Amino acid sequence: MGDRPGRCYRDKDNKPYTRVSERRPRKSYIKGVPAIKTRDFENGDLKNKDDYGIELKLSVDKDVQIRHNAIEAARMNANKHLKESLGEKNYFLKVLVYPHHVLRENPLATGAGADRFQEGMTKAFGNPIGRAARMDKGQGFMLVRVAEGKLDVAKEALRIAKHKLPCSCTVKGIEKYA
């Protein structure tokens, strides 16, 4: 079975849960947390990342949790569009959030014989199924820096990334920062 839809976990109602020890995994409060899918948080020209004239930022419009696979999908699509349109060394893309929050699920079985192997809501702590980044309203999700004449390409890349996220987003910060 695939992942549950993003609407199951996008609301930021529950308390954050991040008790995972990287240095001493046996001391962790929660065991078996899946690794995050995002490996590269910065793409494009990493050496000259401050040499661009325009900076755009994609920010969320409400409090939300974004799963790690949605973060990776948004990054991949925006990076692909920028790389195909501008070339590999003519932009800088950065994902500004990290998925620390551990998502848990208490799977409830249905059908014949389901009552023999589960206990319902007794001890319903749940098993870890993934990670998510918890974001506040107006917080930046992704940053793109491009040269002066390439504003439309950067806007289109952020628009493509916006469709992979479980919330509405806006493009902010169109300015010359250099």
Protein backbone atom coordinates (compact mmCIF):
# COMPACT_ATOMS: atom_id res chain seq x y z
CA MET A 1 0.00 0.00 0.00
CA GLY A 2 1.20 3.52 -0.77
CA ASP A 3 1.45 6.50 1.55
CA ARG A 4 -1.68 7.98 3.02
CA PRO A 5 -2.74 11.31 1.47
CA GLY A 6 -1.20 14.54 2.72
CA ARG A 7 -4.56 15.72 4.10
CA CYS A 8 -4.24 13.09 6.86
CA TYR A 9 -1.19 14.80 8.35
CA ARG A 10 -1.13 18.40 7.09
CA ASP A 11 -2.90 19.99 10.07
CA LYS A 12 -0.64 21.16 12.86
CA ASP A 13 -2.95 20.24 15.75
CA ASN A 14 -0.88 17.71 17.64
CA LYS A 15 2.26 18.44 19.62
CA PRO A 16 5.63 18.15 17.88
CA TYR A 17 7.36 14.83 18.27
CA THR A 18 11.07 14.80 17.49
CA ARG A 19 12.63 12.47 20.04
CA VAL A 20 15.20 10.74 17.84
CA SER A 21 18.84 10.37 18.82
CA GLU A 22 21.31 10.28 15.92
CA ARG A 23 24.43 9.75 18.03
CA ARG A 24 23.01 7.08 20.33
CA PRO A 25 20.06 5.38 18.62
CA ARG A 26 19.51 2.97 21.52
CA LYS A 27 18.70 5.99 23.72
CA SER A 28 16.00 7.27 21.36
CA TYR A 29 12.49 7.71 22.62
CA ILE A 30 11.11 6.34 19.37
CA LYS A 31 12.58 3.48 17.39
CA GLY A 32 12.70 2.85 13.66
CA VAL A 33 12.16 6.33 12.26
CA PRO A 34 12.41 6.29 8.45
CA ALA A 35 15.16 8.35 6.85
CA ILE A 36 14.15 11.52 5.05
CA LYS A 37 13.97 11.44 1.26
CA THR A 38 15.54 14.85 0.72
CA ARG A 39 19.31 14.65 0.49
CA ASP A 40 20.19 17.91 -1.29
CA PHE A 41 18.83 21.04 0.30
CA GLU A 42 20.86 23.35 -1.99
CA ASN A 43 20.97 23.08 -5.77
CA GLY A 44 22.44 25.05 -8.64
CA ASP A 45 25.61 27.12 -8.40
CA LEU A 46 26.73 26.65 -4.78
CA LYS A 47 29.99 28.58 -5.13
CA ASN A 48 28.46 31.81 -6.40
CA LYS A 49 25.18 31.74 -4.50
CA ASP A 50 25.42 35.42 -3.51
CA ASP A 51 26.15 36.74 -7.02
CA TYR A 52 22.56 36.94 -8.29
CA GLY A 53 20.37 40.03 -8.45
CA ILE A 54 16.88 38.70 -7.72
CA GLU A 55 15.72 36.58 -4.79
CA LEU A 56 12.29 34.94 -4.62
CA LYS A 57 10.86 33.06 -1.66
CA LEU A 58 7.95 30.63 -1.60
CA SER A 59 6.08 30.89 1.70
CA VAL A 60 3.06 29.06 3.12
CA ASP A 61 -0.25 30.81 3.79
CA LYS A 62 -1.26 28.91 6.96
CA ASP A 63 0.13 26.66 9.68
CA VAL A 64 0.83 23.30 8.10
CA GLN A 65 2.88 20.11 8.22
CA ILE A 66 4.61 19.11 4.98
CA ARG A 67 5.72 15.49 4.61
CA HIS A 68 9.26 14.71 3.54
CA ASN A 69 8.18 13.16 0.24
CA ALA A 70 6.25 16.34 -0.68
CA ILE A 71 9.34 18.43 0.13
CA GLU A 72 11.45 16.23 -2.16
CA ALA A 73 8.86 16.33 -4.96
CA ALA A 74 8.69 20.14 -4.83
CA ARG A 75 12.49 20.44 -4.82
CA MET A 76 12.95 18.00 -7.70
CA ASN A 77 10.40 19.70 -9.95
CA ALA A 78 11.62 23.23 -9.28
CA ASN A 79 15.25 22.18 -9.76
CA LYS A 80 14.43 20.38 -13.02
CA HIS A 81 12.67 23.42 -14.45
CA LEU A 82 15.48 25.78 -13.46
CA LYS A 83 18.18 23.44 -14.80
CA GLU A 84 16.43 22.98 -18.16
CA SER A 85 15.64 26.68 -18.58
CA LEU A 86 18.77 28.38 -17.23
CA GLY A 87 21.52 25.77 -17.19
CA GLU A 88 23.21 24.18 -14.22
CA LYS A 89 25.33 27.17 -13.09
CA ASN A 90 22.88 30.08 -13.54
CA TYR A 91 20.67 29.80 -10.45
CA PHE A 92 20.66 28.94 -6.75
CA LEU A 93 17.83 26.95 -5.12
CA LYS A 94 17.55 26.23 -1.41
CA VAL A 95 14.95 24.34 0.64
CA LEU A 96 14.58 26.26 3.90
CA VAL A 97 12.85 23.63 6.07
CA TYR A 98 13.95 20.31 7.55
CA PRO A 99 11.52 17.50 8.45
CA HIS A 100 12.18 16.88 12.15
CA HIS A 101 8.64 15.90 13.22
CA VAL A 102 8.02 12.13 13.34
CA LEU A 103 4.61 11.02 12.05
CA ARG A 104 2.97 8.03 13.71
CA GLU A 105 0.07 5.83 12.73
CA ASN A 106 -1.96 3.32 14.69
CA PRO A 107 -3.20 1.03 11.91
CA LEU A 108 -6.67 -0.32 12.53
CA ALA A 109 -7.55 -3.54 10.71
CA THR A 110 -10.96 -4.15 9.23
CA GLY A 111 -12.67 -7.25 7.98
CA ALA A 112 -13.18 -10.74 9.30
CA GLY A 113 -10.88 -11.79 12.12
CA ALA A 114 -9.52 -8.28 12.71
CA ASP A 115 -10.40 -8.34 16.41
CA ARG A 116 -7.99 -11.21 17.09
CA PHE A 117 -4.74 -9.37 16.50
CA GLN A 118 -5.34 -5.76 17.47
CA GLU A 119 -6.39 -3.91 20.56
CA GLY A 120 -8.19 -0.91 19.07
CA MET A 121 -7.30 2.32 20.86
CA THR A 122 -5.66 0.61 23.84
CA LYS A 123 -1.98 1.62 23.87
CA ALA A 124 -2.49 3.47 20.59
CA PHE A 125 0.89 5.23 20.43
CA GLY A 126 1.43 4.25 16.79
CA ASN A 127 4.38 3.22 14.67
CA PRO A 128 6.55 5.79 12.89
CA ILE A 129 5.59 6.09 9.22
CA GLY A 130 7.49 9.17 8.08
CA ARG A 131 8.67 12.68 8.86
CA ALA A 132 7.26 16.14 8.35
CA ALA A 133 8.36 19.75 8.56
CA ARG A 134 6.14 21.89 10.77
CA MET A 135 5.66 25.36 9.31
CA ASP A 136 4.05 28.53 10.61
CA LYS A 137 1.97 30.96 8.57
CA GLY A 138 4.20 33.12 6.38
CA GLN A 139 7.32 31.00 6.89
CA GLY A 140 9.58 30.57 3.87
CA PHE A 141 9.71 27.13 2.26
CA MET A 142 11.98 27.56 -0.75
CA LEU A 143 14.40 30.24 -1.93
CA VAL A 144 15.48 30.90 -5.53
CA ARG A 145 18.16 33.34 -6.68
CA VAL A 146 18.52 34.19 -10.37
CA ALA A 147 20.05 36.88 -12.58
CA GLU A 148 18.21 40.11 -13.44
CA GLY A 149 16.42 39.03 -16.64
CA LYS A 150 15.33 35.58 -15.45
CA LEU A 151 12.49 36.54 -13.11
CA ASP A 152 9.80 34.73 -15.12
CA VAL A 153 11.71 31.44 -15.07
CA ALA A 154 12.11 31.60 -11.28
CA LYS A 155 8.42 32.41 -10.79
CA GLU A 156 7.44 29.45 -12.96
CA ALA A 157 9.73 27.11 -11.01
CA LEU A 158 8.14 28.18 -7.72
CA ARG A 159 4.67 27.81 -9.24
CA ILE A 160 5.51 24.23 -10.23
CA ALA A 161 6.84 23.51 -6.72
CA LYS A 162 3.71 25.03 -5.17
CA HIS A 163 1.51 22.35 -6.78
CA LYS A 164 3.37 19.59 -4.94
CA LEU A 165 2.61 21.00 -1.47
CA PRO A 166 -0.51 20.28 0.64
CA CYS A 167 -1.32 23.96 1.24
CA SER A 168 -1.66 27.26 -0.57
CA CYS A 169 1.56 29.23 -1.00
CA THR A 170 2.61 32.66 -2.23
CA VAL A 171 5.75 33.98 -3.88
CA LYS A 172 7.32 36.80 -1.85
CA GLY A 173 10.48 38.83 -1.69
CA ILE A 174 10.97 39.92 -5.28
CA GLU A 175 13.83 42.28 -4.70
CA LYS A 176 17.38 43.10 -5.55
CA TYR A 177 19.41 41.94 -2.60
CA ALA A 178 22.91 42.48 -4.04
